Full PDB file with SEQRES, HELIX, SHEET, SSBOND, CRYST1, ORIGX, SCALE, CONECT and MASTER records, all heavy atoms in Angstrom:
SEQRES   1 A   39  GLY ARG LEU GLN ASN ARG THR ASP LEU MET GLU GLU LEU          
SEQRES   2 A   39  ALA LYS ILE VAL ARG VAL ILE ARG LYS GLN ASP PRO ASP          
SEQRES   3 A   39  ALA PRO HIS ASN THR LEU LEU VAL LEU ASP ALA THR THR          
HELIX    1 AA1 THR A    7  GLN A   23  1                                  17    
CRYST1    1.000    1.000    1.000  90.00  90.00  90.00 P 1           1          
ORIGX1      1.000000  0.000000  0.000000        0.00000                         
ORIGX2      0.000000  1.000000  0.000000        0.00000                         
ORIGX3      0.000000  0.000000  1.000000        0.00000                         
SCALE1      1.000000  0.000000  0.000000        0.00000                         
SCALE2      0.000000  1.000000  0.000000        0.00000                         
SCALE3      0.000000  0.000000  1.000000        0.00000                         
ATOM      1  N   GLY A   1     185.215  61.981 132.541  1.00  0.00           N  
ATOM      2  CA  GLY A   1     183.990  62.762 132.391  1.00  0.00           C  
ATOM      3  C   GLY A   1     184.224  64.188 132.833  1.00  0.00           C  
ATOM      4  O   GLY A   1     184.912  64.460 133.817  1.00  0.00           O  
ATOM      5  N   ARG A   2     183.664  65.095 132.101  1.00  0.00           N  
ATOM      6  CA  ARG A   2     183.858  66.509 132.411  1.00  0.00           C  
ATOM      7  C   ARG A   2     182.608  67.278 132.018  1.00  0.00           C  
ATOM      8  O   ARG A   2     181.943  66.967 131.018  1.00  0.00           O  
ATOM      9  CB  ARG A   2     185.079  67.058 131.670  1.00  0.00           C  
ATOM     10  CG  ARG A   2     184.987  66.944 130.167  1.00  0.00           C  
ATOM     11  CD  ARG A   2     186.363  67.051 129.527  1.00  0.00           C  
ATOM     12  NE  ARG A   2     187.093  65.811 129.671  1.00  0.00           N  
ATOM     13  CZ  ARG A   2     188.343  65.730 130.145  1.00  0.00           C  
ATOM     14  NH1 ARG A   2     188.975  66.818 130.516  1.00  0.00           N  
ATOM     15  NH2 ARG A   2     188.957  64.558 130.248  1.00  0.00           N  
ATOM     16  N   LEU A   3     182.244  68.233 132.836  1.00  0.00           N  
ATOM     17  CA  LEU A   3     181.107  69.087 132.544  1.00  0.00           C  
ATOM     18  C   LEU A   3     181.479  70.106 131.485  1.00  0.00           C  
ATOM     19  O   LEU A   3     182.606  70.650 131.472  1.00  0.00           O  
ATOM     20  CB  LEU A   3     180.640  69.804 133.811  1.00  0.00           C  
ATOM     21  CG  LEU A   3     180.132  68.894 134.938  1.00  0.00           C  
ATOM     22  CD1 LEU A   3     179.794  69.718 136.173  1.00  0.00           C  
ATOM     23  CD2 LEU A   3     178.937  68.090 134.500  1.00  0.00           C  
ATOM     24  N   GLN A   4     180.516  70.338 130.584  1.00  0.00           N  
ATOM     25  CA  GLN A   4     180.805  71.251 129.487  1.00  0.00           C  
ATOM     26  C   GLN A   4     181.001  72.694 129.952  1.00  0.00           C  
ATOM     27  O   GLN A   4     181.548  73.512 129.207  1.00  0.00           O  
ATOM     28  CB  GLN A   4     179.681  71.183 128.444  1.00  0.00           C  
ATOM     29  CG  GLN A   4     178.347  71.807 128.870  1.00  0.00           C  
ATOM     30  CD  GLN A   4     177.489  70.840 129.641  1.00  0.00           C  
ATOM     31  OE1 GLN A   4     177.959  69.793 130.091  1.00  0.00           O  
ATOM     32  NE2 GLN A   4     176.220  71.181 129.812  1.00  0.00           N  
ATOM     33  N   ASN A   5     180.567  73.000 131.179  1.00  0.00           N  
ATOM     34  CA  ASN A   5     180.730  74.355 131.681  1.00  0.00           C  
ATOM     35  C   ASN A   5     182.000  74.546 132.502  1.00  0.00           C  
ATOM     36  O   ASN A   5     182.233  75.632 133.059  1.00  0.00           O  
ATOM     37  CB  ASN A   5     179.516  74.782 132.500  1.00  0.00           C  
ATOM     38  CG  ASN A   5     179.232  73.827 133.650  1.00  0.00           C  
ATOM     39  OD1 ASN A   5     179.935  72.854 133.889  1.00  0.00           O  
ATOM     40  ND2 ASN A   5     178.179  74.129 134.408  1.00  0.00           N  
ATOM     41  N   ARG A   6     182.834  73.520 132.605  1.00  0.00           N  
ATOM     42  CA  ARG A   6     184.136  73.608 133.291  1.00  0.00           C  
ATOM     43  C   ARG A   6     185.212  73.851 132.260  1.00  0.00           C  
ATOM     44  O   ARG A   6     185.679  72.927 131.598  1.00  0.00           O  
ATOM     45  CB  ARG A   6     184.429  72.356 134.097  1.00  0.00           C  
ATOM     46  CG  ARG A   6     183.548  72.172 135.324  1.00  0.00           C  
ATOM     47  CD  ARG A   6     183.989  73.099 136.441  1.00  0.00           C  
ATOM     48  NE  ARG A   6     185.402  72.896 136.795  1.00  0.00           N  
ATOM     49  CZ  ARG A   6     185.817  71.998 137.696  1.00  0.00           C  
ATOM     50  NH1 ARG A   6     184.949  71.209 138.312  1.00  0.00           N  
ATOM     51  NH2 ARG A   6     187.113  71.890 137.966  1.00  0.00           N  
ATOM     52  N   THR A   7     185.643  75.089 132.115  1.00  0.00           N  
ATOM     53  CA  THR A   7     186.601  75.447 131.082  1.00  0.00           C  
ATOM     54  C   THR A   7     187.960  74.759 131.298  1.00  0.00           C  
ATOM     55  O   THR A   7     188.635  74.403 130.328  1.00  0.00           O  
ATOM     56  CB  THR A   7     186.790  76.965 131.039  1.00  0.00           C  
ATOM     57  OG1 THR A   7     187.143  77.454 132.291  1.00  0.00           O  
ATOM     58  CG2 THR A   7     185.522  77.651 130.599  1.00  0.00           C  
ATOM     59  N   ASP A   8     188.371  74.574 132.562  1.00  0.00           N  
ATOM     60  CA  ASP A   8     189.659  73.932 132.808  1.00  0.00           C  
ATOM     61  C   ASP A   8     189.664  72.490 132.324  1.00  0.00           C  
ATOM     62  O   ASP A   8     190.655  72.035 131.740  1.00  0.00           O  
ATOM     63  CB  ASP A   8     190.004  74.018 134.309  1.00  0.00           C  
ATOM     64  CG  ASP A   8     188.917  73.436 135.192  1.00  0.00           C  
ATOM     65  OD1 ASP A   8     187.729  73.371 134.754  1.00  0.00           O  
ATOM     66  OD2 ASP A   8     189.245  73.029 136.339  1.00  0.00           O  
ATOM     67  N   LEU A   9     188.569  71.771 132.611  1.00  0.00           N  
ATOM     68  CA  LEU A   9     188.480  70.385 132.164  1.00  0.00           C  
ATOM     69  C   LEU A   9     188.361  70.283 130.633  1.00  0.00           C  
ATOM     70  O   LEU A   9     188.918  69.373 130.023  1.00  0.00           O  
ATOM     71  CB  LEU A   9     187.298  69.689 132.829  1.00  0.00           C  
ATOM     72  CG  LEU A   9     187.380  69.535 134.351  1.00  0.00           C  
ATOM     73  CD1 LEU A   9     186.100  68.911 134.892  1.00  0.00           C  
ATOM     74  CD2 LEU A   9     188.594  68.724 134.761  1.00  0.00           C  
ATOM     75  N   MET A  10     187.632  71.203 130.065  1.00  0.00           N  
ATOM     76  CA  MET A  10     187.498  71.206 128.614  1.00  0.00           C  
ATOM     77  C   MET A  10     188.829  71.514 127.934  1.00  0.00           C  
ATOM     78  O   MET A  10     189.153  70.972 126.879  1.00  0.00           O  
ATOM     79  CB  MET A  10     186.423  72.184 128.184  1.00  0.00           C  
ATOM     80  CG  MET A  10     185.035  71.854 128.705  1.00  0.00           C  
ATOM     81  SD  MET A  10     184.439  70.201 128.256  1.00  0.00           S  
ATOM     82  CE  MET A  10     184.280  70.367 126.493  1.00  0.00           C  
ATOM     83  N   GLU A  11     189.622  72.372 128.530  1.00  0.00           N  
ATOM     84  CA  GLU A  11     190.943  72.654 127.986  1.00  0.00           C  
ATOM     85  C   GLU A  11     191.849  71.445 128.076  1.00  0.00           C  
ATOM     86  O   GLU A  11     192.701  71.224 127.192  1.00  0.00           O  
ATOM     87  CB  GLU A  11     191.582  73.842 128.733  1.00  0.00           C  
ATOM     88  CG  GLU A  11     191.006  75.184 128.348  1.00  0.00           C  
ATOM     89  CD  GLU A  11     191.243  75.517 126.881  1.00  0.00           C  
ATOM     90  OE1 GLU A  11     192.277  75.088 126.329  1.00  0.00           O  
ATOM     91  OE2 GLU A  11     190.384  76.182 126.281  1.00  0.00           O  
ATOM     92  N   GLU A  12     191.697  70.649 129.115  1.00  0.00           N  
ATOM     93  CA  GLU A  12     192.471  69.419 129.235  1.00  0.00           C  
ATOM     94  C   GLU A  12     192.127  68.456 128.109  1.00  0.00           C  
ATOM     95  O   GLU A  12     193.018  67.775 127.557  1.00  0.00           O  
ATOM     96  CB  GLU A  12     192.185  68.751 130.588  1.00  0.00           C  
ATOM     97  CG  GLU A  12     193.010  67.491 130.826  1.00  0.00           C  
ATOM     98  CD  GLU A  12     192.658  66.840 132.156  1.00  0.00           C  
ATOM     99  OE1 GLU A  12     191.600  66.192 132.207  1.00  0.00           O  
ATOM    100  OE2 GLU A  12     193.423  67.018 133.127  1.00  0.00           O  
ATOM    101  N   LEU A  13     190.858  68.385 127.722  1.00  0.00           N  
ATOM    102  CA  LEU A  13     190.456  67.557 126.582  1.00  0.00           C  
ATOM    103  C   LEU A  13     191.089  68.067 125.289  1.00  0.00           C  
ATOM    104  O   LEU A  13     191.548  67.276 124.459  1.00  0.00           O  
ATOM    105  CB  LEU A  13     188.940  67.550 126.468  1.00  0.00           C  
ATOM    106  CG  LEU A  13     188.341  66.747 125.305  1.00  0.00           C  
ATOM    107  CD1 LEU A  13     188.718  65.283 125.407  1.00  0.00           C  
ATOM    108  CD2 LEU A  13     186.816  66.900 125.273  1.00  0.00           C  
ATOM    109  N   ALA A  14     191.091  69.356 125.117  1.00  0.00           N  
ATOM    110  CA  ALA A  14     191.734  69.915 123.941  1.00  0.00           C  
ATOM    111  C   ALA A  14     193.221  69.585 123.901  1.00  0.00           C  
ATOM    112  O   ALA A  14     193.790  69.357 122.808  1.00  0.00           O  
ATOM    113  CB  ALA A  14     191.526  71.446 123.926  1.00  0.00           C  
ATOM    114  N   LYS A  15     193.861  69.520 125.068  1.00  0.00           N  
ATOM    115  CA  LYS A  15     195.280  69.141 125.130  1.00  0.00           C  
ATOM    116  C   LYS A  15     195.480  67.694 124.651  1.00  0.00           C  
ATOM    117  O   LYS A  15     196.467  67.396 123.941  1.00  0.00           O  
ATOM    118  CB  LYS A  15     195.801  69.311 126.559  1.00  0.00           C  
ATOM    119  CG  LYS A  15     197.230  68.865 126.762  1.00  0.00           C  
ATOM    120  CD  LYS A  15     197.619  68.946 128.235  1.00  0.00           C  
ATOM    121  CE  LYS A  15     199.053  68.400 128.423  1.00  0.00           C  
ATOM    122  NZ  LYS A  15     199.455  68.449 129.874  1.00  0.00           N  
ATOM    123  N   ILE A  16     194.561  66.790 125.056  1.00  0.00           N  
ATOM    124  CA  ILE A  16     194.661  65.395 124.610  1.00  0.00           C  
ATOM    125  C   ILE A  16     194.616  65.325 123.108  1.00  0.00           C  
ATOM    126  O   ILE A  16     195.398  64.587 122.470  1.00  0.00           O  
ATOM    127  CB  ILE A  16     193.540  64.564 125.242  1.00  0.00           C  
ATOM    128  CG1 ILE A  16     193.695  64.485 126.775  1.00  0.00           C  
ATOM    129  CG2 ILE A  16     193.526  63.142 124.662  1.00  0.00           C  
ATOM    130  CD1 ILE A  16     192.536  63.798 127.465  1.00  0.00           C  
ATOM    131  N   VAL A  17     193.743  66.083 122.514  1.00  0.00           N  
ATOM    132  CA  VAL A  17     193.629  66.080 121.045  1.00  0.00           C  
ATOM    133  C   VAL A  17     194.925  66.597 120.417  1.00  0.00           C  
ATOM    134  O   VAL A  17     195.411  66.031 119.416  1.00  0.00           O  
ATOM    135  CB  VAL A  17     192.412  66.930 120.615  1.00  0.00           C  
ATOM    136  CG1 VAL A  17     192.359  67.055 119.089  1.00  0.00           C  
ATOM    137  CG2 VAL A  17     191.127  66.312 121.138  1.00  0.00           C  
ATOM    138  N   ARG A  18     195.519  67.639 120.948  1.00  0.00           N  
ATOM    139  CA  ARG A  18     196.757  68.190 120.390  1.00  0.00           C  
ATOM    140  C   ARG A  18     197.894  67.174 120.476  1.00  0.00           C  
ATOM    141  O   ARG A  18     198.685  67.013 119.524  1.00  0.00           O  
ATOM    142  CB  ARG A  18     197.130  69.479 121.111  1.00  0.00           C  
ATOM    143  CG  ARG A  18     196.195  70.658 120.850  1.00  0.00           C  
ATOM    144  CD  ARG A  18     196.833  71.957 121.315  1.00  0.00           C  
ATOM    145  NE  ARG A  18     197.167  71.946 122.735  1.00  0.00           N  
ATOM    146  CZ  ARG A  18     196.354  72.364 123.692  1.00  0.00           C  
ATOM    147  NH1 ARG A  18     195.118  72.803 123.374  1.00  0.00           N  
ATOM    148  NH2 ARG A  18     196.736  72.344 124.966  1.00  0.00           N  
ATOM    149  N   VAL A  19     198.009  66.470 121.605  1.00  0.00           N  
ATOM    150  CA  VAL A  19     199.064  65.479 121.768  1.00  0.00           C  
ATOM    151  C   VAL A  19     198.887  64.306 120.806  1.00  0.00           C  
ATOM    152  O   VAL A  19     199.873  63.792 120.221  1.00  0.00           O  
ATOM    153  CB  VAL A  19     199.110  64.999 123.225  1.00  0.00           C  
ATOM    154  CG1 VAL A  19     200.075  63.809 123.373  1.00  0.00           C  
ATOM    155  CG2 VAL A  19     199.534  66.119 124.160  1.00  0.00           C  
ATOM    156  N   ILE A  20     197.640  63.851 120.638  1.00  0.00           N  
ATOM    157  CA  ILE A  20     197.369  62.760 119.708  1.00  0.00           C  
ATOM    158  C   ILE A  20     197.800  63.139 118.279  1.00  0.00           C  
ATOM    159  O   ILE A  20     198.392  62.334 117.564  1.00  0.00           O  
ATOM    160  CB  ILE A  20     195.881  62.393 119.743  1.00  0.00           C  
ATOM    161  CG1 ILE A  20     195.527  61.710 121.072  1.00  0.00           C  
ATOM    162  CG2 ILE A  20     195.514  61.476 118.581  1.00  0.00           C  
ATOM    163  CD1 ILE A  20     194.022  61.425 121.225  1.00  0.00           C  
ATOM    164  N   ARG A  21     197.561  64.372 117.907  1.00  0.00           N  
ATOM    165  CA  ARG A  21     197.885  64.814 116.538  1.00  0.00           C  
ATOM    166  C   ARG A  21     199.389  64.960 116.330  1.00  0.00           C  
ATOM    167  O   ARG A  21     199.833  65.076 115.162  1.00  0.00           O  
ATOM    168  CB  ARG A  21     197.167  66.130 116.245  1.00  0.00           C  
ATOM    169  CG  ARG A  21     195.658  65.919 116.039  1.00  0.00           C  
ATOM    170  CD  ARG A  21     194.903  67.196 115.843  1.00  0.00           C  
ATOM    171  NE  ARG A  21     193.488  66.895 115.588  1.00  0.00           N  
ATOM    172  CZ  ARG A  21     192.534  67.822 115.515  1.00  0.00           C  
ATOM    173  NH1 ARG A  21     192.843  69.109 115.696  1.00  0.00           N  
ATOM    174  NH2 ARG A  21     191.271  67.448 115.303  1.00  0.00           N  
ATOM    175  N   LYS A  22     200.164  64.974 117.395  1.00  0.00           N  
ATOM    176  CA  LYS A  22     201.618  64.924 117.227  1.00  0.00           C  
ATOM    177  C   LYS A  22     202.055  63.563 116.717  1.00  0.00           C  
ATOM    178  O   LYS A  22     203.050  63.455 115.986  1.00  0.00           O  
ATOM    179  CB  LYS A  22     202.303  65.246 118.571  1.00  0.00           C  
ATOM    180  CG  LYS A  22     202.148  66.691 119.009  1.00  0.00           C  
ATOM    181  CD  LYS A  22     202.877  66.932 120.310  1.00  0.00           C  
ATOM    182  CE  LYS A  22     202.718  68.396 120.750  1.00  0.00           C  
ATOM    183  NZ  LYS A  22     203.427  68.667 122.034  1.00  0.00           N  
ATOM    184  N   GLN A  23     201.337  62.535 117.104  1.00  0.00           N  
ATOM    185  CA  GLN A  23     201.614  61.188 116.611  1.00  0.00           C  
ATOM    186  C   GLN A  23     201.040  60.966 115.226  1.00  0.00           C  
ATOM    187  O   GLN A  23     201.657  60.358 114.365  1.00  0.00           O  
ATOM    188  CB  GLN A  23     201.026  60.136 117.579  1.00  0.00           C  
ATOM    189  CG  GLN A  23     201.824  59.946 118.844  1.00  0.00           C  
ATOM    190  CD  GLN A  23     202.989  58.981 118.627  1.00  0.00           C  
ATOM    191  OE1 GLN A  23     203.453  58.777 117.497  1.00  0.00           O  
ATOM    192  NE2 GLN A  23     203.488  58.413 119.702  1.00  0.00           N  
ATOM    193  N   ASP A  24     199.842  61.481 115.011  1.00  0.00           N  
ATOM    194  CA  ASP A  24     199.170  61.327 113.723  1.00  0.00           C  
ATOM    195  C   ASP A  24     198.366  62.593 113.474  1.00  0.00           C  
ATOM    196  O   ASP A  24     197.404  62.855 114.202  1.00  0.00           O  
ATOM    197  CB  ASP A  24     198.262  60.096 113.759  1.00  0.00           C  
ATOM    198  CG  ASP A  24     197.662  59.779 112.399  1.00  0.00           C  
ATOM    199  OD1 ASP A  24     197.726  60.642 111.473  1.00  0.00           O  
ATOM    200  OD2 ASP A  24     197.119  58.672 112.244  1.00  0.00           O  
ATOM    201  N   PRO A  25     198.756  63.367 112.471  1.00  0.00           N  
ATOM    202  CA  PRO A  25     198.056  64.626 112.200  1.00  0.00           C  
ATOM    203  C   PRO A  25     196.564  64.453 111.908  1.00  0.00           C  
ATOM    204  O   PRO A  25     195.790  65.384 112.115  1.00  0.00           O  
ATOM    205  CB  PRO A  25     198.787  65.198 110.978  1.00  0.00           C  
ATOM    206  CG  PRO A  25     200.130  64.533 110.985  1.00  0.00           C  
ATOM    207  CD  PRO A  25     199.899  63.178 111.571  1.00  0.00           C  
ATOM    208  N   ASP A  26     196.195  63.273 111.437  1.00  0.00           N  
ATOM    209  CA  ASP A  26     194.775  63.014 111.116  1.00  0.00           C  
ATOM    210  C   ASP A  26     193.983  62.481 112.294  1.00  0.00           C  
ATOM    211  O   ASP A  26     192.771  62.318 112.197  1.00  0.00           O  
ATOM    212  CB  ASP A  26     194.676  62.038 109.940  1.00  0.00           C  
ATOM    213  CG  ASP A  26     195.288  62.583 108.667  1.00  0.00           C  
ATOM    214  OD1 ASP A  26     195.224  63.822 108.462  1.00  0.00           O  
ATOM    215  OD2 ASP A  26     195.837  61.779 107.876  1.00  0.00           O  
ATOM    216  N   ALA A  27     194.677  62.156 113.359  1.00  0.00           N  
ATOM    217  CA  ALA A  27     194.004  61.588 114.543  1.00  0.00           C  
ATOM    218  C   ALA A  27     193.430  62.723 115.432  1.00  0.00           C  
ATOM    219  O   ALA A  27     193.952  63.843 115.415  1.00  0.00           O  
ATOM    220  CB  ALA A  27     194.982  60.731 115.323  1.00  0.00           C  
ATOM    221  N   PRO A  28     192.396  62.428 116.209  1.00  0.00           N  
ATOM    222  CA  PRO A  28     191.625  61.180 116.178  1.00  0.00           C  
ATOM    223  C   PRO A  28     190.739  61.094 114.942  1.00  0.00           C  
ATOM    224  O   PRO A  28     190.153  62.106 114.528  1.00  0.00           O  
ATOM    225  CB  PRO A  28     190.785  61.287 117.461  1.00  0.00           C  
ATOM    226  CG  PRO A  28     190.639  62.752 117.705  1.00  0.00           C  
ATOM    227  CD  PRO A  28     191.898  63.382 117.217  1.00  0.00           C  
ATOM    228  N   HIS A  29     190.667  59.899 114.398  1.00  0.00           N  
ATOM    229  CA  HIS A  29     189.891  59.689 113.194  1.00  0.00           C  
ATOM    230  C   HIS A  29     188.387  59.713 113.473  1.00  0.00           C  
ATOM    231  O   HIS A  29     187.589  60.042 112.593  1.00  0.00           O  
ATOM    232  CB  HIS A  29     190.281  58.380 112.535  1.00  0.00           C  
ATOM    233  CG  HIS A  29     191.759  58.295 112.255  1.00  0.00           C  
ATOM    234  ND1 HIS A  29     192.620  57.677 113.133  1.00  0.00           N  
ATOM    235  CD2 HIS A  29     192.503  58.735 111.223  1.00  0.00           C  
ATOM    236  CE1 HIS A  29     193.878  57.743 112.650  1.00  0.00           C  
ATOM    237  NE2 HIS A  29     193.826  58.387 111.473  1.00  0.00           N  
ATOM    238  N   ASN A  30     188.006  59.344 114.665  1.00  0.00           N  
ATOM    239  CA  ASN A  30     186.614  59.405 115.130  1.00  0.00           C  
ATOM    240  C   ASN A  30     186.605  59.973 116.535  1.00  0.00           C  
ATOM    241  O   ASN A  30     187.394  59.556 117.399  1.00  0.00           O  
ATOM    242  CB  ASN A  30     185.925  58.038 115.141  1.00  0.00           C  
ATOM    243  CG  ASN A  30     186.011  57.326 113.808  1.00  0.00           C  
ATOM    244  OD1 ASN A  30     186.902  56.517 113.592  1.00  0.00           O  
ATOM    245  ND2 ASN A  30     185.060  57.610 112.910  1.00  0.00           N  
ATOM    246  N   THR A  31     185.749  60.951 116.759  1.00  0.00           N  
ATOM    247  CA  THR A  31     185.531  61.485 118.113  1.00  0.00           C  
ATOM    248  C   THR A  31     184.062  61.281 118.432  1.00  0.00           C  
ATOM    249  O   THR A  31     183.185  61.958 117.906  1.00  0.00           O  
ATOM    250  CB  THR A  31     185.900  62.965 118.213  1.00  0.00           C  
ATOM    251  OG1 THR A  31     187.273  63.140 117.865  1.00  0.00           O  
ATOM    252  CG2 THR A  31     185.681  63.475 119.645  1.00  0.00           C  
ATOM    253  N   LEU A  32     183.812  60.315 119.313  1.00  0.00           N  
ATOM    254  CA  LEU A  32     182.442  59.955 119.661  1.00  0.00           C  
ATOM    255  C   LEU A  32     182.032  60.689 120.931  1.00  0.00           C  
ATOM    256  O   LEU A  32     182.706  60.594 121.966  1.00  0.00           O  
ATOM    257  CB  LEU A  32     182.317  58.444 119.874  1.00  0.00           C  
ATOM    258  CG  LEU A  32     182.716  57.539 118.697  1.00  0.00           C  
ATOM    259  CD1 LEU A  32     182.452  56.072 119.068  1.00  0.00           C  
ATOM    260  CD2 LEU A  32     181.987  57.916 117.439  1.00  0.00           C  
ATOM    261  N   LEU A  33     180.945  61.382 120.843  1.00  0.00           N  
ATOM    262  CA  LEU A  33     180.359  62.040 122.012  1.00  0.00           C  
ATOM    263  C   LEU A  33     179.219  61.168 122.526  1.00  0.00           C  
ATOM    264  O   LEU A  33     178.228  60.927 121.837  1.00  0.00           O  
ATOM    265  CB  LEU A  33     179.833  63.421 121.659  1.00  0.00           C  
ATOM    266  CG  LEU A  33     179.084  64.172 122.755  1.00  0.00           C  
ATOM    267  CD1 LEU A  33     179.933  64.356 124.005  1.00  0.00           C  
ATOM    268  CD2 LEU A  33     178.557  65.506 122.248  1.00  0.00           C  
ATOM    269  N   VAL A  34     179.376  60.666 123.764  1.00  0.00           N  
ATOM    270  CA  VAL A  34     178.357  59.830 124.385  1.00  0.00           C  
ATOM    271  C   VAL A  34     177.417  60.731 125.176  1.00  0.00           C  
ATOM    272  O   VAL A  34     177.852  61.489 126.049  1.00  0.00           O  
ATOM    273  CB  VAL A  34     179.009  58.772 125.307  1.00  0.00           C  
ATOM    274  CG1 VAL A  34     177.920  57.907 125.958  1.00  0.00           C  
ATOM    275  CG2 VAL A  34     179.958  57.898 124.503  1.00  0.00           C  
ATOM    276  N   LEU A  35     176.120  60.621 124.871  1.00  0.00           N  
ATOM    277  CA  LEU A  35     175.095  61.462 125.500  1.00  0.00           C  
ATOM    278  C   LEU A  35     174.157  60.613 126.335  1.00  0.00           C  
ATOM    279  O   LEU A  35     173.797  59.496 125.937  1.00  0.00           O  
ATOM    280  CB  LEU A  35     174.286  62.222 124.438  1.00  0.00           C  
ATOM    281  CG  LEU A  35     175.076  63.193 123.563  1.00  0.00           C  
ATOM    282  CD1 LEU A  35     174.200  63.704 122.434  1.00  0.00           C  
ATOM    283  CD2 LEU A  35     175.620  64.360 124.394  1.00  0.00           C  
ATOM    284  N   ASP A  36     173.764  61.151 127.448  1.00  0.00           N  
ATOM    285  CA  ASP A  36     172.788  60.528 128.330  1.00  0.00           C  
ATOM    286  C   ASP A  36     171.399  61.062 127.972  1.00  0.00           C  
ATOM    287  O   ASP A  36     171.154  62.260 128.050  1.00  0.00           O  
ATOM    288  CB  ASP A  36     173.128  60.829 129.782  1.00  0.00           C  
ATOM    289  CG  ASP A  36     172.217  60.125 130.783  1.00  0.00           C  
ATOM    290  OD1 ASP A  36     171.151  59.596 130.370  1.00  0.00           O  
ATOM    291  OD2 ASP A  36     172.521  60.127 131.978  1.00  0.00           O  
ATOM    292  N   ALA A  37     170.498  60.187 127.563  1.00  0.00           N  
ATOM    293  CA  ALA A  37     169.167  60.604 127.117  1.00  0.00           C  
ATOM    294  C   ALA A  37     168.379  61.282 128.227  1.00  0.00           C  
ATOM    295  O   ALA A  37     167.477  62.064 127.958  1.00  0.00           O  
ATOM    296  CB  ALA A  37     168.391  59.418 126.557  1.00  0.00           C  
ATOM    297  N   THR A  38     168.716  60.983 129.486  1.00  0.00           N  
ATOM    298  CA  THR A  38     167.958  61.564 130.593  1.00  0.00           C  
ATOM    299  C   THR A  38     168.281  63.038 130.806  1.00  0.00           C  
ATOM    300  O   THR A  38     167.556  63.723 131.565  1.00  0.00           O  
ATOM    301  CB  THR A  38     168.249  60.799 131.889  1.00  0.00           C  
ATOM    302  OG1 THR A  38     169.655  60.878 132.210  1.00  0.00           O  
ATOM    303  CG2 THR A  38     167.868  59.328 131.734  1.00  0.00           C  
ATOM    304  N   THR A  39     169.314  63.552 130.177  1.00  0.00           N  
ATOM    305  CA  THR A  39     169.668  64.962 130.333  1.00  0.00           C  
ATOM    306  C   THR A  39     168.746  65.888 129.546  1.00  0.00           C  
ATOM    307  O   THR A  39     168.732  67.105 129.785  1.00  0.00           O  
ATOM    308  CB  THR A  39     171.111  65.226 129.906  1.00  0.00           C  
ATOM    309  OG1 THR A  39     171.280  64.852 128.540  1.00  0.00           O  
ATOM    310  CG2 THR A  39     172.072  64.435 130.779  1.00  0.00           C  
TER     311      THR A  39                                                      
MASTER        0    0    0    1    0    0    0    6  310    1    0    3          
END                                                                             
């Protein structure tokens, strides 16, 4: 979990996506964003 206002954590997420695409250029095939309704 990472706050959207933390640029360092968000960059880490972007890194995960780049590494996944090294294995499969089309991956991830689905990126699900889970939202909390109470927010």
